[in-house]
Amino acid sequence: MLDRVPIPRAAGLVGAAMLALSSSWSLAATPNPHRSVVGLSSPSAPCQYRFRADGAYPLTLYVTVRDAFDTPVPDLDVDVTAAPAGGAVFCSCESLVQGGVTDAIGAVPLAFSRFGGHGTLDLAITARPIAGMIEIWTGSVEFTSPDLNGSCEAMSSTNVFDLGAWAGGLPPGYTVESDYDCNGVVDVFDLGVLAGGLGLGCSP
C-alpha cells in the first residue's frame, strides 16, 4: 500500500499560482471579439456603398485586434470574407476573401472595391492565431454599381443592359440601386454615375 505524502502548503500555493499564470498566458495574445474594434469607411452615398470595376470607390474595414486584457495583438493573420445576401445581384472582379497582418498596435486595413451588381453584402472578419480560427465581427452593408446586372465582363461590364436596368428606377417608379446619390429620385445625375462605368471591366 502506498503511503500518502502530504503536499506542503507552500508547494500547493506555487502550483495554483503557476496554473493561474498559465491560464493568463493562454488568454494573452488570443484575439477577443468583445475587445476588438472594427470600423468601416464611409460609403460614397448615404444609403449604400457604390462599387466600380476600376476600384474607384473602395469599402475599407479598419480592424484592431485586442486580447482579453485589451492588449493589441500584432503579427496576426486576419481575413474578411464577402458574400451576397439572398436576393442580391452580384459578381466580382476580385477575390471574395481579402487578408492582411496586424501591425504593432494590432491594426490592419482590409478592402473590397471591384464588385458588380446591387443588394446586400454580408461581411465576416476572422482572425487566425496559431491554432484555430476566431470570428471577430460580422455585419452587412447595402451596395450598388454601374454594372447593375452583375455581369463583370472583362472589357466593359457596364453596357446597354445595365442602362435598361437603371432606367427601371426612373419616375414615376423608383429603385434605390439606380439612385447613386441617394437623394430619393433617379435623374440625370445618377445617369452620369452610370456613364462613369462605361468602358470599364475586370481586365486591368
Protein backbone atom coordinates (compact mmCIF):
# COMPACT_ATOMS: atom_id res chain seq x y z
CA MET A 1 0.00 0.00 0.00
CA LEU A 2 1.38 3.41 -1.00
CA ASP A 3 1.84 5.94 1.72
CA ARG A 4 0.13 9.24 1.15
CA VAL A 5 2.64 12.03 1.34
CA PRO A 6 1.10 15.40 2.17
CA ILE A 7 1.98 18.23 -0.21
CA PRO A 8 3.46 21.20 1.60
CA ARG A 9 1.08 24.15 1.63
CA ALA A 10 3.68 26.40 0.02
CA ALA A 11 4.11 23.98 -2.86
CA GLY A 12 0.36 23.89 -3.33
CA LEU A 13 0.24 27.67 -3.50
CA VAL A 14 3.03 27.72 -6.06
CA GLY A 15 1.19 25.17 -8.16
CA ALA A 16 -2.01 27.20 -8.03
CA ALA A 17 -0.10 30.33 -8.98
CA MET A 18 1.53 28.55 -11.90
CA LEU A 19 -1.88 27.31 -13.06
CA ALA A 20 -3.33 30.83 -12.87
CA LEU A 21 -0.31 32.21 -14.73
CA SER A 22 -0.69 29.54 -17.40
CA SER A 23 -4.35 30.50 -17.81
CA SER A 24 -3.35 34.15 -18.17
CA TRP A 25 -0.78 33.25 -20.81
CA SER A 26 -3.43 31.35 -22.74
CA LEU A 27 -5.66 34.44 -22.78
CA ALA A 28 -2.88 36.85 -23.67
CA ALA A 29 -2.33 37.31 -27.41
CA THR A 30 -5.55 35.40 -28.12
CA PRO A 31 -7.97 37.57 -30.15
CA ASN A 32 -11.03 38.60 -28.16
CA PRO A 33 -14.02 39.64 -30.31
CA HIS A 34 -15.51 41.73 -27.49
CA ARG A 35 -12.31 43.77 -27.09
CA SER A 36 -11.53 44.09 -30.80
CA VAL A 37 -12.79 47.00 -32.88
CA VAL A 38 -13.99 47.19 -36.50
CA GLY A 39 -14.71 50.43 -38.33
CA LEU A 40 -15.99 50.88 -41.90
CA SER A 41 -15.11 53.66 -44.29
CA SER A 42 -17.98 55.98 -45.14
CA PRO A 43 -19.98 55.00 -48.24
CA SER A 44 -19.77 57.24 -51.30
CA ALA A 45 -23.52 57.88 -50.89
CA PRO A 46 -25.53 57.94 -47.64
CA CYS A 47 -27.74 54.91 -48.32
CA GLN A 48 -25.30 52.46 -49.90
CA TYR A 49 -21.75 51.69 -50.94
CA ARG A 50 -21.01 52.16 -54.61
CA PHE A 51 -18.50 49.92 -56.36
CA ARG A 52 -16.99 50.19 -59.83
CA ALA A 53 -14.85 47.84 -61.94
CA ASP A 54 -11.78 50.08 -61.66
CA GLY A 55 -11.91 50.11 -57.86
CA ALA A 56 -12.64 53.84 -57.64
CA TYR A 57 -14.90 53.56 -54.57
CA PRO A 58 -13.45 51.05 -52.07
CA LEU A 59 -15.08 49.79 -48.91
CA THR A 60 -12.32 49.64 -46.30
CA LEU A 61 -12.67 47.82 -42.99
CA TYR A 62 -10.31 49.07 -40.28
CA VAL A 63 -9.71 46.20 -37.86
CA THR A 64 -7.95 46.46 -34.50
CA VAL A 65 -7.49 43.14 -32.70
CA ARG A 66 -7.07 43.02 -28.92
CA ASP A 67 -6.88 40.19 -26.40
CA ALA A 68 -8.86 39.69 -23.19
CA PHE A 69 -6.62 42.19 -21.38
CA ASP A 70 -7.28 44.87 -24.01
CA THR A 71 -3.74 44.49 -25.32
CA PRO A 72 -3.15 44.78 -29.10
CA VAL A 73 -2.35 41.52 -30.88
CA PRO A 74 0.38 42.11 -33.51
CA ASP A 75 1.58 39.85 -36.35
CA LEU A 76 -1.81 38.16 -36.63
CA ASP A 77 -3.38 36.94 -39.87
CA VAL A 78 -6.82 38.50 -40.36
CA ASP A 79 -9.28 37.87 -43.20
CA VAL A 80 -12.52 39.49 -44.32
CA THR A 81 -14.95 37.46 -46.43
CA ALA A 82 -17.73 38.93 -48.57
CA ALA A 83 -20.84 37.08 -49.69
CA PRO A 84 -24.02 38.31 -51.40
CA ALA A 85 -27.11 38.04 -49.23
CA GLY A 86 -30.29 36.46 -50.55
CA GLY A 87 -31.78 38.43 -53.42
CA ALA A 88 -28.60 40.32 -54.26
CA VAL A 89 -27.41 40.57 -57.85
CA PHE A 90 -23.67 40.04 -57.58
CA CYS A 91 -20.40 39.47 -59.38
CA SER A 92 -16.78 40.18 -58.52
CA CYS A 93 -13.59 41.19 -60.28
CA GLU A 94 -11.54 40.31 -57.18
CA SER A 95 -11.23 37.64 -54.53
CA LEU A 96 -14.09 37.39 -52.05
CA VAL A 97 -11.52 36.94 -49.27
CA GLN A 98 -9.07 39.74 -48.52
CA GLY A 99 -6.38 39.28 -45.89
CA GLY A 100 -3.65 41.12 -44.03
CA VAL A 101 -1.41 41.02 -40.95
CA THR A 102 -1.90 43.22 -37.89
CA ASP A 103 0.79 45.78 -37.12
CA ALA A 104 2.39 46.66 -33.77
CA ILE A 105 -0.88 48.15 -32.46
CA GLY A 106 -2.98 45.21 -33.66
CA ALA A 107 -4.44 47.11 -36.62
CA VAL A 108 -4.91 46.14 -40.25
CA PRO A 109 -7.00 47.69 -43.07
CA LEU A 110 -8.88 45.31 -45.39
CA ALA A 111 -10.65 46.49 -48.54
CA PHE A 112 -13.04 45.50 -51.31
CA SER A 113 -13.56 47.68 -54.38
CA ARG A 114 -14.34 45.75 -57.58
CA PHE A 115 -17.83 44.29 -57.17
CA GLY A 116 -20.74 44.49 -59.58
CA GLY A 117 -24.48 44.22 -59.07
CA HIS A 118 -26.58 45.55 -56.21
CA GLY A 119 -28.27 44.49 -52.98
CA THR A 120 -26.98 43.40 -49.58
CA LEU A 121 -23.46 42.21 -48.93
CA ASP A 122 -22.62 40.10 -45.87
CA LEU A 123 -19.17 40.56 -44.34
CA ALA A 124 -17.29 38.40 -41.83
CA ILE A 125 -13.90 39.08 -40.23
CA THR A 126 -11.88 36.20 -38.80
CA ALA A 127 -8.50 36.05 -37.08
CA ARG A 128 -6.16 33.09 -37.40
CA PRO A 129 -3.95 32.63 -34.34
CA ILE A 130 -1.51 29.71 -34.13
CA ALA A 131 -4.30 27.23 -33.52
CA GLY A 132 -7.82 27.51 -34.92
CA MET A 133 -9.84 30.44 -36.21
CA ILE A 134 -11.75 33.10 -34.28
CA GLU A 135 -14.63 35.14 -35.65
CA ILE A 136 -14.08 38.79 -34.81
CA TRP A 137 -17.06 40.51 -36.43
CA THR A 138 -19.96 40.05 -38.84
CA GLY A 139 -22.15 42.67 -40.50
CA SER A 140 -23.99 43.67 -43.66
CA VAL A 141 -23.93 46.66 -46.00
CA GLU A 142 -26.06 47.79 -48.91
CA PHE A 143 -24.30 48.30 -52.24
CA THR A 144 -24.80 49.18 -55.90
CA SER A 145 -22.65 49.69 -59.00
CA PRO A 146 -22.86 50.84 -62.64
CA ASP A 147 -22.76 47.13 -63.53
CA LEU A 148 -26.32 46.71 -62.28
CA ASN A 149 -26.93 43.31 -63.88
CA GLY A 150 -23.82 41.88 -62.21
CA SER A 151 -22.05 40.63 -65.33
CA CYS A 152 -18.40 41.56 -64.62
CA GLU A 153 -17.28 41.27 -68.23
CA ALA A 154 -13.56 41.53 -68.83
CA MET A 155 -13.59 44.58 -71.11
CA SER A 156 -16.78 46.53 -70.45
CA SER A 157 -19.08 45.40 -67.66
CA THR A 158 -21.37 48.44 -67.92
CA ASN A 159 -23.39 48.48 -71.13
CA VAL A 160 -26.85 48.85 -72.64
CA PHE A 161 -28.25 46.08 -70.45
CA ASP A 162 -27.23 47.99 -67.34
CA LEU A 163 -28.73 51.15 -68.80
CA GLY A 164 -32.02 49.30 -69.14
CA ALA A 165 -31.83 48.11 -65.54
CA TRP A 166 -31.03 51.63 -64.38
CA ALA A 167 -33.97 53.10 -66.33
CA GLY A 168 -36.32 50.91 -64.30
CA GLY A 169 -35.82 53.37 -61.45
CA LEU A 170 -36.87 56.47 -63.37
CA PRO A 171 -40.02 58.35 -62.25
CA PRO A 172 -42.77 57.57 -61.60
CA GLY A 173 -41.05 54.41 -60.35
CA TYR A 174 -38.07 54.18 -58.03
CA THR A 175 -35.28 51.71 -57.25
CA VAL A 176 -32.60 52.51 -54.71
CA GLU A 177 -29.87 50.79 -56.72
CA SER A 178 -30.40 53.32 -59.54
CA ASP A 179 -30.26 56.23 -57.09
CA TYR A 180 -26.48 56.56 -56.92
CA ASP A 181 -26.51 59.78 -54.87
CA CYS A 182 -29.32 58.58 -52.56
CA ASN A 183 -31.39 61.76 -52.92
CA GLY A 184 -34.68 59.91 -53.34
CA VAL A 185 -35.09 60.41 -57.08
CA VAL A 186 -33.41 58.84 -60.12
CA ASP A 187 -32.32 61.55 -62.55
CA VAL A 188 -29.60 62.78 -64.89
CA PHE A 189 -27.03 62.98 -62.08
CA ASP A 190 -27.41 59.25 -61.49
CA LEU A 191 -27.10 58.64 -65.21
CA GLY A 192 -23.75 60.40 -65.04
CA VAL A 193 -22.56 57.95 -62.39
CA LEU A 194 -23.69 55.02 -64.52
CA ALA A 195 -21.84 56.50 -67.50
CA GLY A 196 -18.70 56.63 -65.37
CA GLY A 197 -18.58 52.84 -65.53
CA LEU A 198 -18.70 52.66 -69.33
CA GLY A 199 -15.66 51.00 -70.86
CA LEU A 200 -14.54 49.56 -67.52
CA GLY A 201 -14.27 45.82 -66.93
CA CYS A 202 -12.49 43.20 -64.86
CA SER A 203 -9.37 43.22 -67.02
CA PRO A 204 -6.72 45.61 -65.69
